[in-house]
Amino acid sequence: MSESRPKSGPGEISRFRAVVVAALRAKQLQRGSRPRIELDDKKHKDTSIAMEEVRRGLITFTQFVVPHVYDPSAMRELKAIG
């Protein structure tokens, strides 16, 4: 099965990550952060402003990698609790 989806280049993010980043930015705007774009009549909601900022590349983010640690003793502790 083949899906047609746009390929992400080095400076692009997936649409799912864009939604997550925009949601975090919308929270900042709700708390009083200044928009990085000029506001117009159509874009007056925090979510619309945040999505436009992400679309224009005005919002940067850092992706953290959380290492997976397998600890068998932790599993025993969880079983003992339950």
C-alpha atoms as a PDB file:
ATOM      1  CA  MET A   1       0.000   0.000   0.000  1.00  0.00           C
ATOM      2  CA  SER A   2       1.469   3.323  -0.973  1.00  0.00           C
ATOM      3  CA  GLU A   3       0.529   6.612   0.561  1.00  0.00           C
ATOM      4  CA  SER A   4       1.165   9.891  -1.108  1.00  0.00           C
ATOM      5  CA  ARG A   5       2.639  12.173   1.465  1.00  0.00           C
ATOM      6  CA  PRO A   6       4.999  15.102   1.111  1.00  0.00           C
ATOM      7  CA  LYS A   7       8.603  14.334   1.825  1.00  0.00           C
ATOM      8  CA  SER A   8      10.124  16.403   4.586  1.00  0.00           C
ATOM      9  CA  GLY A   9      13.353  18.128   3.761  1.00  0.00           C
ATOM     10  CA  PRO A  10      16.067  19.190   6.186  1.00  0.00           C
ATOM     11  CA  GLY A  11      14.323  22.413   7.241  1.00  0.00           C
ATOM     12  CA  GLU A  12      10.777  21.071   7.308  1.00  0.00           C
ATOM     13  CA  ILE A  13       8.818  19.414  10.084  1.00  0.00           C
ATOM     14  CA  SER A  14       5.981  16.953   9.827  1.00  0.00           C
ATOM     15  CA  ARG A  15       2.447  18.269  10.075  1.00  0.00           C
ATOM     16  CA  PHE A  16       1.948  16.341  13.316  1.00  0.00           C
ATOM     17  CA  ARG A  17       4.980  17.948  14.923  1.00  0.00           C
ATOM     18  CA  ALA A  18       3.822  21.323  13.602  1.00  0.00           C
ATOM     19  CA  VAL A  19       0.520  20.882  15.445  1.00  0.00           C
ATOM     20  CA  VAL A  20       2.298  20.019  18.696  1.00  0.00           C
ATOM     21  CA  VAL A  21       4.688  22.967  18.382  1.00  0.00           C
ATOM     22  CA  ALA A  22       1.793  25.303  17.519  1.00  0.00           C
ATOM     23  CA  ALA A  23      -0.164  24.078  20.553  1.00  0.00           C
ATOM     24  CA  LEU A  24       2.754  24.895  22.819  1.00  0.00           C
ATOM     25  CA  ARG A  25       3.118  28.292  21.141  1.00  0.00           C
ATOM     26  CA  ALA A  26      -0.625  28.970  21.553  1.00  0.00           C
ATOM     27  CA  LYS A  27      -0.221  28.402  25.298  1.00  0.00           C
ATOM     28  CA  GLN A  28       2.577  30.984  25.328  1.00  0.00           C
ATOM     29  CA  LEU A  29       0.348  33.451  23.499  1.00  0.00           C
ATOM     30  CA  GLN A  30      -2.486  32.852  25.971  1.00  0.00           C
ATOM     31  CA  ARG A  31      -0.104  33.657  28.799  1.00  0.00           C
ATOM     32  CA  GLY A  32       0.778  37.013  27.263  1.00  0.00           C
ATOM     33  CA  SER A  33       3.604  36.373  24.815  1.00  0.00           C
ATOM     34  CA  ARG A  34       3.695  38.770  21.870  1.00  0.00           C
ATOM     35  CA  PRO A  35       2.844  37.437  18.407  1.00  0.00           C
ATOM     36  CA  ARG A  36       5.704  37.303  15.909  1.00  0.00           C
ATOM     37  CA  ILE A  37       3.464  38.191  12.986  1.00  0.00           C
ATOM     38  CA  GLU A  38       1.341  41.214  12.237  1.00  0.00           C
ATOM     39  CA  LEU A  39      -2.247  40.541  13.206  1.00  0.00           C
ATOM     40  CA  ASP A  40      -5.021  40.859  10.672  1.00  0.00           C
ATOM     41  CA  ASP A  41      -8.786  40.447  10.888  1.00  0.00           C
ATOM     42  CA  LYS A  42      -8.679  36.745   9.971  1.00  0.00           C
ATOM     43  CA  LYS A  43      -5.917  35.697  12.367  1.00  0.00           C
ATOM     44  CA  HIS A  44      -6.933  36.910  15.780  1.00  0.00           C
ATOM     45  CA  LYS A  45      -7.168  33.638  17.697  1.00  0.00           C
ATOM     46  CA  ASP A  46      -4.089  32.328  19.481  1.00  0.00           C
ATOM     47  CA  THR A  47      -4.255  28.985  17.680  1.00  0.00           C
ATOM     48  CA  SER A  48      -4.422  30.628  14.235  1.00  0.00           C
ATOM     49  CA  ILE A  49      -1.550  32.937  15.086  1.00  0.00           C
ATOM     50  CA  ALA A  50       0.548  30.046  16.401  1.00  0.00           C
ATOM     51  CA  MET A  51      -0.080  27.887  13.299  1.00  0.00           C
ATOM     52  CA  GLU A  52       0.876  30.783  11.019  1.00  0.00           C
ATOM     53  CA  GLU A  53       4.074  31.403  12.995  1.00  0.00           C
ATOM     54  CA  VAL A  54       5.005  27.720  12.691  1.00  0.00           C
ATOM     55  CA  ARG A  55       4.120  27.678   8.980  1.00  0.00           C
ATOM     56  CA  ARG A  56       6.398  30.668   8.350  1.00  0.00           C
ATOM     57  CA  GLY A  57       9.247  29.079  10.301  1.00  0.00           C
ATOM     58  CA  LEU A  58       9.276  31.757  12.998  1.00  0.00           C
ATOM     59  CA  ILE A  59       9.087  29.223  15.823  1.00  0.00           C
ATOM     60  CA  THR A  60      12.071  27.037  16.602  1.00  0.00           C
ATOM     61  CA  PHE A  61      12.086  23.928  18.737  1.00  0.00           C
ATOM     62  CA  THR A  62      14.574  21.414  20.055  1.00  0.00           C
ATOM     63  CA  GLN A  63      13.864  17.731  19.792  1.00  0.00           C
ATOM     64  CA  PHE A  64      15.034  15.741  22.769  1.00  0.00           C
ATOM     65  CA  VAL A  65      15.763  12.051  22.541  1.00  0.00           C
ATOM     66  CA  VAL A  66      14.901  10.077  25.641  1.00  0.00           C
ATOM     67  CA  PRO A  67      16.997   6.929  25.866  1.00  0.00           C
ATOM     68  CA  HIS A  68      15.189   3.674  26.513  1.00  0.00           C
ATOM     69  CA  VAL A  69      16.534   1.928  29.584  1.00  0.00           C
ATOM     70  CA  TYR A  70      15.597  -1.654  30.255  1.00  0.00           C
ATOM     71  CA  ASP A  71      15.788  -2.448  33.956  1.00  0.00           C
ATOM     72  CA  PRO A  72      14.496  -5.909  34.919  1.00  0.00           C
ATOM     73  CA  SER A  73      14.559  -5.025  38.618  1.00  0.00           C
ATOM     74  CA  ALA A  74      12.103  -2.187  37.983  1.00  0.00           C
ATOM     75  CA  MET A  75       9.678  -4.665  36.422  1.00  0.00           C
ATOM     76  CA  ARG A  76       9.890  -6.859  39.541  1.00  0.00           C
ATOM     77  CA  GLU A  77       9.148  -3.825  41.712  1.00  0.00           C
ATOM     78  CA  LEU A  78       6.071  -3.004  39.617  1.00  0.00           C
ATOM     79  CA  LYS A  79       4.822  -6.604  39.896  1.00  0.00           C
ATOM     80  CA  ALA A  80       5.334  -6.544  43.657  1.00  0.00           C
ATOM     81  CA  ILE A  81       3.216  -3.413  43.990  1.00  0.00           C
ATOM     82  CA  GLY A  82       0.308  -4.787  41.916  1.00  0.00           C
END
